Amino acid sequence: MVIPPPVRPDRVLKYLKPYVLRMHFTNKYVNAQVVHTPTATVAASASSQEKGLRLAMVESKENTRDVAAAAKIGKLLGERLQAKGVPAVSVFFKKEQRYHGKVKAVIDSVREAGIELV
């Protein structure tokens, strides 16, 4: 069963950040996605679990969970956002996340891909 997103008045939608970057890091993989908050849909996502990316990283003896992998995920996500025509995103930090390490690598590489951060 699919639960539709709540209907919000226009005055509330005016102040919402429409696209939010969310990141999730596990002991094996790096995941990032951009969510369109008014419709509660995923605009674009990238993960080191994707078959093509994972196989390429394993063949070249790269790790799927370190800072370099996070930078690749951010670059891939930025390219996908450019293709979709998303001009800017805001960043959603979890309680324990700080702008350091993998988080910094993802955000910086999304910014370098030409996506503005608000």
N, C-alpha and C. Protein backbone atom coordinates (compact mmCIF):
# COMPACT_ATOMS: atom_id res chain seq x y z
N MET A 1 0.83 -1.17 0.00
CA MET A 1 0.00 0.00 0.00
C MET A 1 0.88 1.24 0.00
N VAL A 2 0.60 2.17 -0.89
CA VAL A 2 1.37 3.40 -1.01
C VAL A 2 0.65 4.51 -0.27
N ILE A 3 1.36 5.16 0.63
CA ILE A 3 0.78 6.26 1.38
C ILE A 3 1.16 7.56 0.66
N PRO A 4 0.18 8.35 0.22
CA PRO A 4 0.51 9.59 -0.48
C PRO A 4 1.11 10.61 0.48
N PRO A 5 1.94 11.52 -0.05
CA PRO A 5 2.51 12.54 0.82
C PRO A 5 1.41 13.49 1.31
N PRO A 6 1.64 14.15 2.42
CA PRO A 6 0.61 15.06 2.94
C PRO A 6 0.42 16.25 2.00
N VAL A 7 -0.80 16.72 1.93
CA VAL A 7 -1.11 17.90 1.12
C VAL A 7 -0.76 19.12 1.95
N ARG A 8 0.13 19.94 1.40
CA ARG A 8 0.58 21.11 2.14
C ARG A 8 0.08 22.37 1.42
N PRO A 9 -0.30 23.39 2.17
CA PRO A 9 -0.72 24.63 1.53
C PRO A 9 0.46 25.31 0.82
N ASP A 10 0.15 26.16 -0.15
CA ASP A 10 1.20 26.83 -0.92
C ASP A 10 2.12 27.68 -0.06
N ARG A 11 1.59 28.27 1.01
CA ARG A 11 2.43 29.11 1.86
C ARG A 11 3.52 28.28 2.54
N VAL A 12 3.25 26.99 2.80
CA VAL A 12 4.26 26.12 3.40
C VAL A 12 5.25 25.66 2.34
N LEU A 13 4.75 25.31 1.15
CA LEU A 13 5.63 24.86 0.08
C LEU A 13 6.62 25.94 -0.34
N LYS A 14 6.23 27.19 -0.18
CA LYS A 14 7.10 28.30 -0.56
C LYS A 14 8.40 28.28 0.25
N TYR A 15 8.33 27.83 1.50
CA TYR A 15 9.49 27.86 2.37
C TYR A 15 10.23 26.53 2.47
N LEU A 16 9.69 25.49 1.86
CA LEU A 16 10.38 24.20 1.88
C LEU A 16 11.52 24.21 0.87
N LYS A 17 12.57 23.54 1.19
CA LYS A 17 13.64 23.33 0.23
C LYS A 17 13.18 22.17 -0.65
N PRO A 18 13.03 22.39 -1.96
CA PRO A 18 12.40 21.35 -2.78
C PRO A 18 13.26 20.10 -2.94
N TYR A 19 14.57 20.23 -3.06
CA TYR A 19 15.43 19.06 -3.24
C TYR A 19 16.39 18.95 -2.07
N VAL A 20 16.42 17.78 -1.43
CA VAL A 20 17.26 17.58 -0.25
C VAL A 20 18.20 16.40 -0.51
N LEU A 21 19.50 16.61 -0.27
CA LEU A 21 20.51 15.57 -0.40
C LEU A 21 20.60 14.79 0.89
N ARG A 22 20.40 13.48 0.82
CA ARG A 22 20.50 12.62 1.99
C ARG A 22 21.60 11.59 1.73
N MET A 23 22.42 11.35 2.75
CA MET A 23 23.55 10.43 2.61
C MET A 23 23.45 9.35 3.67
N HIS A 24 23.89 8.15 3.29
CA HIS A 24 23.90 7.04 4.23
C HIS A 24 25.20 6.26 4.01
N PHE A 25 25.91 6.00 5.08
CA PHE A 25 27.18 5.31 5.00
C PHE A 25 27.10 4.04 5.85
N THR A 26 27.48 2.90 5.27
CA THR A 26 27.56 1.66 6.01
C THR A 26 29.01 1.24 6.08
N ASN A 27 29.27 0.09 6.69
CA ASN A 27 30.64 -0.40 6.77
C ASN A 27 31.15 -0.90 5.43
N LYS A 28 30.24 -1.12 4.46
CA LYS A 28 30.65 -1.63 3.14
C LYS A 28 30.40 -0.66 2.00
N TYR A 29 29.38 0.20 2.11
CA TYR A 29 28.95 0.99 0.95
C TYR A 29 28.65 2.43 1.32
N VAL A 30 28.58 3.25 0.27
CA VAL A 30 28.22 4.66 0.38
C VAL A 30 26.97 4.88 -0.47
N ASN A 31 25.94 5.49 0.09
CA ASN A 31 24.70 5.76 -0.64
C ASN A 31 24.36 7.23 -0.50
N ALA A 32 23.86 7.82 -1.60
CA ALA A 32 23.39 9.21 -1.56
C ALA A 32 22.19 9.33 -2.48
N GLN A 33 21.22 10.13 -2.07
CA GLN A 33 20.05 10.34 -2.91
C GLN A 33 19.53 11.76 -2.70
N VAL A 34 18.86 12.27 -3.72
CA VAL A 34 18.24 13.58 -3.65
C VAL A 34 16.74 13.36 -3.70
N VAL A 35 16.04 13.86 -2.68
CA VAL A 35 14.60 13.66 -2.54
C VAL A 35 13.88 14.97 -2.84
N HIS A 36 12.83 14.90 -3.66
CA HIS A 36 11.96 16.05 -3.92
C HIS A 36 10.91 16.05 -2.82
N THR A 37 11.03 16.97 -1.87
CA THR A 37 10.21 16.92 -0.66
C THR A 37 8.71 17.16 -0.88
N PRO A 38 8.29 18.06 -1.77
CA PRO A 38 6.84 18.23 -1.92
C PRO A 38 6.12 16.98 -2.40
N THR A 39 6.76 16.18 -3.26
CA THR A 39 6.11 14.96 -3.75
C THR A 39 6.64 13.71 -3.09
N ALA A 40 7.65 13.83 -2.24
CA ALA A 40 8.25 12.69 -1.53
C ALA A 40 8.74 11.62 -2.50
N THR A 41 9.39 12.04 -3.59
CA THR A 41 9.95 11.10 -4.56
C THR A 41 11.45 11.31 -4.66
N VAL A 42 12.15 10.28 -5.10
CA VAL A 42 13.59 10.35 -5.27
C VAL A 42 13.88 10.91 -6.65
N ALA A 43 14.56 12.05 -6.69
CA ALA A 43 14.91 12.68 -7.97
C ALA A 43 16.09 11.97 -8.62
N ALA A 44 17.10 11.64 -7.83
CA ALA A 44 18.28 10.94 -8.35
C ALA A 44 18.97 10.26 -7.17
N SER A 45 19.67 9.18 -7.48
CA SER A 45 20.41 8.50 -6.42
C SER A 45 21.66 7.87 -7.01
N ALA A 46 22.62 7.61 -6.14
CA ALA A 46 23.85 6.93 -6.54
C ALA A 46 24.34 6.13 -5.35
N SER A 47 24.93 4.98 -5.63
CA SER A 47 25.39 4.11 -4.57
C SER A 47 26.60 3.31 -5.04
N SER A 48 27.46 2.97 -4.11
CA SER A 48 28.58 2.11 -4.48
C SER A 48 28.14 0.65 -4.56
N GLN A 49 26.85 0.37 -4.33
CA GLN A 49 26.29 -0.97 -4.50
C GLN A 49 25.85 -1.22 -5.94
N GLU A 50 25.77 -0.18 -6.77
CA GLU A 50 25.34 -0.36 -8.15
C GLU A 50 26.31 -1.31 -8.85
N LYS A 51 25.74 -2.21 -9.63
CA LYS A 51 26.51 -3.30 -10.18
C LYS A 51 27.70 -2.82 -11.02
N GLY A 52 27.46 -1.91 -11.95
CA GLY A 52 28.53 -1.44 -12.83
C GLY A 52 29.63 -0.74 -12.07
N LEU A 53 29.27 0.13 -11.17
CA LEU A 53 30.25 0.88 -10.38
C LEU A 53 31.01 -0.04 -9.44
N ARG A 54 30.30 -0.95 -8.79
CA ARG A 54 30.94 -1.87 -7.84
C ARG A 54 31.95 -2.76 -8.54
N LEU A 55 31.57 -3.31 -9.71
CA LEU A 55 32.49 -4.18 -10.45
C LEU A 55 33.72 -3.42 -10.91
N ALA A 56 33.54 -2.18 -11.37
CA ALA A 56 34.68 -1.37 -11.80
C ALA A 56 35.61 -1.07 -10.63
N MET A 57 35.04 -0.81 -9.46
CA MET A 57 35.86 -0.51 -8.29
C MET A 57 36.61 -1.75 -7.80
N VAL A 58 35.97 -2.91 -7.88
CA VAL A 58 36.62 -4.13 -7.42
C VAL A 58 37.74 -4.53 -8.38
N GLU A 59 37.50 -4.37 -9.69
CA GLU A 59 38.53 -4.71 -10.67
C GLU A 59 39.78 -3.86 -10.50
N SER A 60 39.59 -2.58 -10.17
CA SER A 60 40.74 -1.69 -10.03
C SER A 60 41.26 -1.66 -8.59
N LYS A 61 40.83 -2.64 -7.77
CA LYS A 61 41.30 -2.80 -6.38
C LYS A 61 40.99 -1.59 -5.51
N GLU A 62 39.88 -0.88 -5.81
CA GLU A 62 39.47 0.25 -4.99
C GLU A 62 38.46 -0.21 -3.94
N ASN A 63 38.37 0.55 -2.90
CA ASN A 63 37.45 0.25 -1.82
C ASN A 63 36.08 0.86 -2.12
N THR A 64 35.00 0.22 -1.69
CA THR A 64 33.65 0.73 -1.94
C THR A 64 33.11 1.53 -0.76
N ARG A 65 33.95 1.81 0.23
CA ARG A 65 33.44 2.49 1.44
C ARG A 65 34.29 3.65 1.92
N ASP A 66 35.37 3.98 1.24
CA ASP A 66 36.25 5.03 1.75
C ASP A 66 35.91 6.40 1.17
N VAL A 67 36.76 7.37 1.43
CA VAL A 67 36.52 8.75 1.01
C VAL A 67 36.56 8.86 -0.52
N ALA A 68 37.43 8.12 -1.17
CA ALA A 68 37.50 8.16 -2.64
C ALA A 68 36.22 7.63 -3.26
N ALA A 69 35.65 6.59 -2.68
CA ALA A 69 34.37 6.06 -3.16
C ALA A 69 33.26 7.09 -2.95
N ALA A 70 33.29 7.78 -1.83
CA ALA A 70 32.28 8.81 -1.57
C ALA A 70 32.39 9.94 -2.58
N ALA A 71 33.61 10.29 -2.97
CA ALA A 71 33.79 11.33 -3.99
C ALA A 71 33.24 10.88 -5.34
N LYS A 72 33.45 9.61 -5.69
CA LYS A 72 32.92 9.09 -6.95
C LYS A 72 31.39 9.09 -6.94
N ILE A 73 30.80 8.73 -5.81
CA ILE A 73 29.35 8.72 -5.68
C ILE A 73 28.80 10.13 -5.84
N GLY A 74 29.45 11.10 -5.22
CA GLY A 74 29.02 12.49 -5.34
C GLY A 74 29.11 13.00 -6.77
N LYS A 75 30.18 12.64 -7.46
CA LYS A 75 30.34 13.06 -8.86
C LYS A 75 29.26 12.44 -9.73
N LEU A 76 28.99 11.15 -9.54
CA LEU A 76 27.95 10.45 -10.30
C LEU A 76 26.58 11.05 -10.01
N LEU A 77 26.31 11.35 -8.75
CA LEU A 77 25.04 11.96 -8.38
C LEU A 77 24.88 13.34 -9.00
N GLY A 78 25.96 14.11 -9.00
CA GLY A 78 25.92 15.44 -9.62
C GLY A 78 25.63 15.37 -11.10
N GLU A 79 26.23 14.40 -11.80
CA GLU A 79 25.97 14.23 -13.23
C GLU A 79 24.51 13.84 -13.48
N ARG A 80 23.97 12.98 -12.64
CA ARG A 80 22.57 12.57 -12.80
C ARG A 80 21.62 13.72 -12.52
N LEU A 81 21.96 14.57 -11.55
CA LEU A 81 21.13 15.74 -11.28
C LEU A 81 21.19 16.74 -12.43
N GLN A 82 22.37 16.90 -13.03
CA GLN A 82 22.50 17.78 -14.20
C GLN A 82 21.62 17.28 -15.33
N ALA A 83 21.61 15.96 -15.55
CA ALA A 83 20.80 15.38 -16.62
C ALA A 83 19.30 15.58 -16.37
N LYS A 84 18.89 15.56 -15.10
CA LYS A 84 17.48 15.76 -14.76
C LYS A 84 17.10 17.24 -14.75
N GLY A 85 18.09 18.13 -14.73
CA GLY A 85 17.79 19.57 -14.71
C GLY A 85 17.54 20.14 -13.34
N VAL A 86 18.10 19.51 -12.31
CA VAL A 86 17.94 20.02 -10.95
C VAL A 86 19.05 21.05 -10.70
N PRO A 87 18.69 22.32 -10.45
CA PRO A 87 19.73 23.35 -10.33
C PRO A 87 20.41 23.40 -8.96
N ALA A 88 19.66 23.12 -7.89
CA ALA A 88 20.22 23.29 -6.55
C ALA A 88 19.61 22.28 -5.59
N VAL A 89 20.38 21.92 -4.56
CA VAL A 89 19.90 21.02 -3.52
C VAL A 89 20.30 21.60 -2.16
N SER A 90 19.56 21.20 -1.14
CA SER A 90 19.98 21.51 0.22
C SER A 90 20.46 20.21 0.85
N VAL A 91 21.23 20.32 1.90
CA VAL A 91 21.85 19.15 2.51
C VAL A 91 21.15 18.81 3.81
N PHE A 92 20.85 17.53 4.00
CA PHE A 92 20.24 17.04 5.22
C PHE A 92 21.29 16.25 5.99
N PHE A 93 21.66 16.73 7.16
CA PHE A 93 22.62 16.03 8.00
C PHE A 93 21.87 15.25 9.07
N LYS A 94 22.31 14.02 9.28
CA LYS A 94 21.81 13.28 10.43
C LYS A 94 22.47 13.83 11.69
N LYS A 95 21.98 13.41 12.82
CA LYS A 95 22.46 13.97 14.08
C LYS A 95 23.97 13.80 14.27
N GLU A 96 24.49 12.64 13.88
CA GLU A 96 25.90 12.36 14.13
C GLU A 96 26.82 12.79 13.00
N GLN A 97 26.26 13.27 11.88
CA GLN A 97 27.10 13.63 10.73
C GLN A 97 27.67 15.04 10.89
N ARG A 98 28.93 15.17 10.51
CA ARG A 98 29.58 16.46 10.50
C ARG A 98 30.20 16.65 9.12
N TYR A 99 30.49 17.88 8.76
CA TYR A 99 31.09 18.18 7.46
C TYR A 99 32.56 17.80 7.50
N HIS A 100 32.81 16.49 7.35
CA HIS A 100 34.15 15.96 7.50
C HIS A 100 34.21 14.59 6.83
N GLY A 101 35.32 14.23 6.25
CA GLY A 101 35.52 12.89 5.70
C GLY A 101 34.63 12.57 4.51
N LYS A 102 33.87 11.48 4.62
CA LYS A 102 33.01 11.03 3.51
C LYS A 102 31.91 12.02 3.20
N VAL A 103 31.34 12.63 4.22
CA VAL A 103 30.29 13.63 4.01
C VAL A 103 30.83 14.79 3.20
N LYS A 104 32.00 15.27 3.56
CA LYS A 104 32.64 16.38 2.85
C LYS A 104 32.96 15.98 1.42
N ALA A 105 33.41 14.74 1.20
CA ALA A 105 33.75 14.28 -0.15
C ALA A 105 32.52 14.25 -1.04
N VAL A 106 31.40 13.75 -0.53
CA VAL A 106 30.17 13.70 -1.33
C VAL A 106 29.70 15.11 -1.67
N ILE A 107 29.64 15.98 -0.67
CA ILE A 107 29.13 17.34 -0.89
C ILE A 107 30.03 18.12 -1.83
N ASP A 108 31.34 18.04 -1.65
CA ASP A 108 32.26 18.78 -2.52
C ASP A 108 32.20 18.29 -3.96
N SER A 109 32.08 16.99 -4.18
CA SER A 109 32.03 16.50 -5.54
C SER A 109 30.69 16.81 -6.22
N VAL A 110 29.60 16.88 -5.46
CA VAL A 110 28.33 17.32 -6.03
C VAL A 110 28.44 18.79 -6.42
N ARG A 111 29.08 19.58 -5.59
CA ARG A 111 29.27 21.00 -5.89
C ARG A 111 30.16 21.17 -7.12
N GLU A 112 31.21 20.37 -7.24
CA GLU A 112 32.11 20.46 -8.40
C GLU A 112 31.42 20.04 -9.70
N ALA A 113 30.39 19.21 -9.60
CA ALA A 113 29.65 18.78 -10.78
C ALA A 113 28.74 19.89 -11.30
N GLY A 114 28.62 21.00 -10.57
CA GLY A 114 27.84 22.13 -11.05
C GLY A 114 26.50 22.30 -10.37
N ILE A 115 26.25 21.58 -9.30
CA ILE A 115 25.00 21.70 -8.56
C ILE A 115 25.22 22.70 -7.42
N GLU A 116 24.33 23.66 -7.31
CA GLU A 116 24.44 24.66 -6.25
C GLU A 116 23.87 24.09 -4.95
N LEU A 117 24.52 24.40 -3.84
CA LEU A 117 24.04 23.94 -2.53
C LEU A 117 23.46 25.13 -1.77
N VAL A 118 22.23 24.94 -1.28
CA VAL A 118 21.60 26.01 -0.51
C VAL A 118 21.36 25.57 0.91
